[in-house]
Amino acid sequence: MARPLKNNADYFSHDKGMRDDPKIKAIRQRYGSDGYAAWCMLLETLTDADNFRIEYNELEVELMSGDFGIDAEKLQQIVESFRRLKLIVIESEILFCPKLVQRMQGLLDDRERKRQWVEQKKTGVNGFSTSKTGFVQSEAPQSKVKESKVKERKVKESSINNRER
């Protein structure tokens, strides 16, 4: 059974100067550490989500509130500030961060390249094909050592036989 496609990430880069971004400074000024913590935890949540998107509705706010340790009303205000500052987008109850999606595109592209490479290996590109056992088999013999040893042995045997005559 094939491994399911992965459309999220285990890691995202955290810019060392993120707290000094003017939009994040505005969040910190208004909500203090709760605002900054909510931003970091929201990025972590999005990074772990399929396609870096999460549902955003009343129930999800309650669940994130419990996870983030921030009152649900305050969290909703903070998220609304993120939206006003264009840090996030909310469309049809789906929340995402365009910059995070853009940053993760390289990872997704790399995964796709690797999938295509594996698929090419399976389908027989470059004279290789996959056997029923799942191992790659070459169309042409690869071992010249065996051939040379066999030839060498035959030459020695024939020369010994010629001496005996």
Protein backbone atom coordinates (compact mmCIF):
# COMPACT_ATOMS: atom_id res chain seq x y z
CA MET A 1 0.00 0.00 0.00
CA ALA A 2 1.38 3.40 -0.97
CA ARG A 3 2.11 6.07 1.57
CA PRO A 4 -0.56 8.81 1.55
CA LEU A 5 0.42 12.12 -0.01
CA LYS A 6 1.57 14.61 2.58
CA ASN A 7 0.23 18.15 2.13
CA ASN A 8 1.54 19.70 5.32
CA ALA A 9 4.91 20.18 6.99
CA ASP A 10 6.68 19.14 10.15
CA TYR A 11 8.69 22.36 10.20
CA PHE A 12 8.52 25.97 9.10
CA SER A 13 11.23 28.58 9.34
CA HIS A 14 10.75 31.21 12.00
CA ASP A 15 12.37 34.50 11.08
CA LYS A 16 14.55 35.78 13.90
CA GLY A 17 13.13 39.27 13.46
CA MET A 18 9.48 38.26 13.23
CA ARG A 19 8.58 40.16 16.40
CA ASP A 20 9.91 43.36 14.80
CA ASP A 21 7.67 43.16 11.72
CA PRO A 22 5.45 46.29 11.81
CA LYS A 23 2.25 44.22 11.65
CA ILE A 24 3.38 41.94 14.46
CA LYS A 25 4.44 44.99 16.49
CA ALA A 26 0.90 46.31 16.11
CA ILE A 27 -0.46 42.98 17.39
CA ARG A 28 1.99 43.01 20.30
CA GLN A 29 1.12 46.60 21.16
CA ARG A 30 -2.59 45.85 21.25
CA TYR A 31 -2.66 42.32 22.73
CA GLY A 32 0.76 41.92 24.34
CA SER A 33 2.32 38.47 24.55
CA ASP A 34 -1.06 36.82 23.93
CA GLY A 35 -1.15 38.35 20.45
CA TYR A 36 2.37 37.22 19.58
CA ALA A 37 1.80 33.76 21.06
CA ALA A 38 -1.48 33.43 19.15
CA TRP A 39 0.32 34.32 15.91
CA CYS A 40 3.09 31.74 16.47
CA MET A 41 0.65 29.02 17.52
CA LEU A 42 -1.63 29.79 14.57
CA LEU A 43 1.34 29.40 12.20
CA GLU A 44 2.17 26.06 13.84
CA THR A 45 -1.46 24.94 13.50
CA LEU A 46 -1.56 25.96 9.83
CA THR A 47 1.75 24.24 9.11
CA ASP A 48 0.37 21.00 10.51
CA ALA A 49 -2.91 21.29 8.55
CA ASP A 50 -3.57 19.84 5.07
CA ASN A 51 -2.71 22.41 2.41
CA PHE A 52 -1.86 24.84 5.23
CA ARG A 53 -5.56 25.69 5.70
CA ILE A 54 -7.93 25.21 8.62
CA GLU A 55 -11.65 25.54 9.13
CA TYR A 56 -12.53 28.74 10.90
CA ASN A 57 -15.86 28.83 12.69
CA GLU A 58 -17.18 29.21 16.22
CA LEU A 59 -16.32 25.62 17.17
CA GLU A 60 -12.76 25.93 15.84
CA VAL A 61 -12.27 29.18 17.77
CA GLU A 62 -13.31 27.36 20.96
CA LEU A 63 -10.93 24.48 20.23
CA MET A 64 -8.01 26.79 19.39
CA SER A 65 -8.80 28.84 22.49
CA GLY A 66 -8.38 25.78 24.68
CA ASP A 67 -5.21 24.78 22.82
CA PHE A 68 -3.65 28.25 22.86
CA GLY A 69 -4.69 29.08 26.44
CA ILE A 70 -6.36 32.34 25.36
CA ASP A 71 -9.97 33.31 26.05
CA ALA A 72 -12.18 32.55 23.00
CA GLU A 73 -13.48 36.14 22.66
CA LYS A 74 -9.97 37.56 22.90
CA LEU A 75 -8.68 35.00 20.40
CA GLN A 76 -11.45 35.93 17.97
CA GLN A 77 -10.47 39.61 18.30
CA ILE A 78 -6.81 38.76 17.73
CA VAL A 79 -7.62 36.68 14.64
CA GLU A 80 -9.77 39.51 13.31
CA SER A 81 -6.77 41.83 13.75
CA PHE A 82 -4.62 39.35 11.81
CA ARG A 83 -7.20 39.49 9.03
CA ARG A 84 -7.40 43.31 9.00
CA LEU A 85 -3.60 43.50 8.82
CA LYS A 86 -3.69 41.01 5.91
CA LEU A 87 -1.57 38.46 7.77
CA ILE A 88 -4.28 35.87 7.10
CA VAL A 89 -7.21 35.38 4.76
CA ILE A 90 -10.57 33.92 5.71
CA GLU A 91 -12.70 32.72 2.78
CA SER A 92 -15.81 30.55 3.16
CA GLU A 93 -14.86 29.60 6.73
CA ILE A 94 -11.35 28.57 5.64
CA LEU A 95 -8.41 30.37 7.24
CA PHE A 96 -4.93 30.46 5.69
CA CYS A 97 -1.81 32.61 5.63
CA PRO A 98 -0.79 33.45 2.04
CA LYS A 99 2.86 34.03 3.01
CA LEU A 100 3.06 30.65 4.75
CA VAL A 101 1.53 28.92 1.72
CA GLN A 102 4.04 30.72 -0.51
CA ARG A 103 6.96 29.69 1.73
CA MET A 104 5.84 26.07 1.78
CA GLN A 105 5.40 25.89 -2.00
CA GLY A 106 9.08 24.98 -2.43
CA LEU A 107 8.62 22.00 -0.09
CA LEU A 108 5.53 20.85 -2.00
CA ASP A 109 7.31 21.30 -5.34
CA ASP A 110 10.28 19.25 -4.07
CA ARG A 111 7.96 16.47 -2.93
CA GLU A 112 6.27 16.47 -6.34
CA ARG A 113 9.64 16.22 -8.12
CA LYS A 114 10.56 13.25 -5.94
CA ARG A 115 7.20 11.57 -6.63
CA GLN A 116 7.73 12.01 -10.37
CA TRP A 117 11.28 10.63 -10.12
CA VAL A 118 10.01 7.54 -8.28
CA GLU A 119 7.21 7.14 -10.82
CA GLN A 120 9.71 7.31 -13.68
CA LYS A 121 11.80 4.61 -12.03
CA LYS A 122 8.70 2.41 -11.69
CA THR A 123 7.60 2.85 -15.30
CA GLY A 124 10.86 1.82 -16.92
CA VAL A 125 12.59 5.06 -17.87
CA ASN A 126 16.31 4.59 -18.73
CA GLY A 127 16.02 0.84 -19.32
CA PHE A 128 14.88 -0.06 -15.81
CA SER A 129 11.64 -1.74 -14.83
CA THR A 130 10.18 -2.85 -11.56
CA SER A 131 9.64 -6.57 -11.05
CA LYS A 132 6.70 -8.12 -9.21
CA THR A 133 8.86 -8.20 -6.09
CA GLY A 134 9.24 -4.43 -6.21
CA PHE A 135 12.96 -4.49 -6.96
CA VAL A 136 14.38 -2.60 -9.91
CA GLN A 137 15.77 -4.88 -12.59
CA SER A 138 18.00 -3.84 -15.43
CA GLU A 139 17.33 -4.91 -19.00
CA ALA A 140 21.06 -5.49 -19.61
CA PRO A 141 23.40 -7.71 -17.53
CA GLN A 142 25.44 -5.66 -15.11
CA SER A 143 28.19 -8.06 -14.02
CA LYS A 144 31.22 -8.31 -16.26
CA VAL A 145 33.24 -9.90 -13.47
CA LYS A 146 31.40 -13.21 -13.73
CA GLU A 147 31.87 -13.31 -17.48
CA SER A 148 35.60 -12.64 -17.25
CA LYS A 149 36.10 -15.28 -14.54
CA VAL A 150 34.25 -17.85 -16.60
CA LYS A 151 36.31 -17.01 -19.68
CA GLU A 152 39.51 -17.06 -17.64
CA ARG A 153 38.66 -20.46 -16.17
CA LYS A 154 37.91 -21.88 -19.63
CA VAL A 155 41.21 -20.54 -20.95
CA LYS A 156 43.14 -22.13 -18.04
CA GLU A 157 41.32 -25.44 -18.44
CA SER A 158 41.99 -25.54 -22.19
CA SER A 159 45.68 -24.71 -21.69
CA ILE A 160 46.02 -27.47 -19.08
CA ASN A 161 44.25 -29.90 -21.38
CA ASN A 162 46.59 -28.91 -24.26
CA ARG A 163 49.69 -29.55 -22.09
CA GLU A 164 48.46 -32.97 -21.09
CA ARG A 165 48.14 -34.06 -24.75
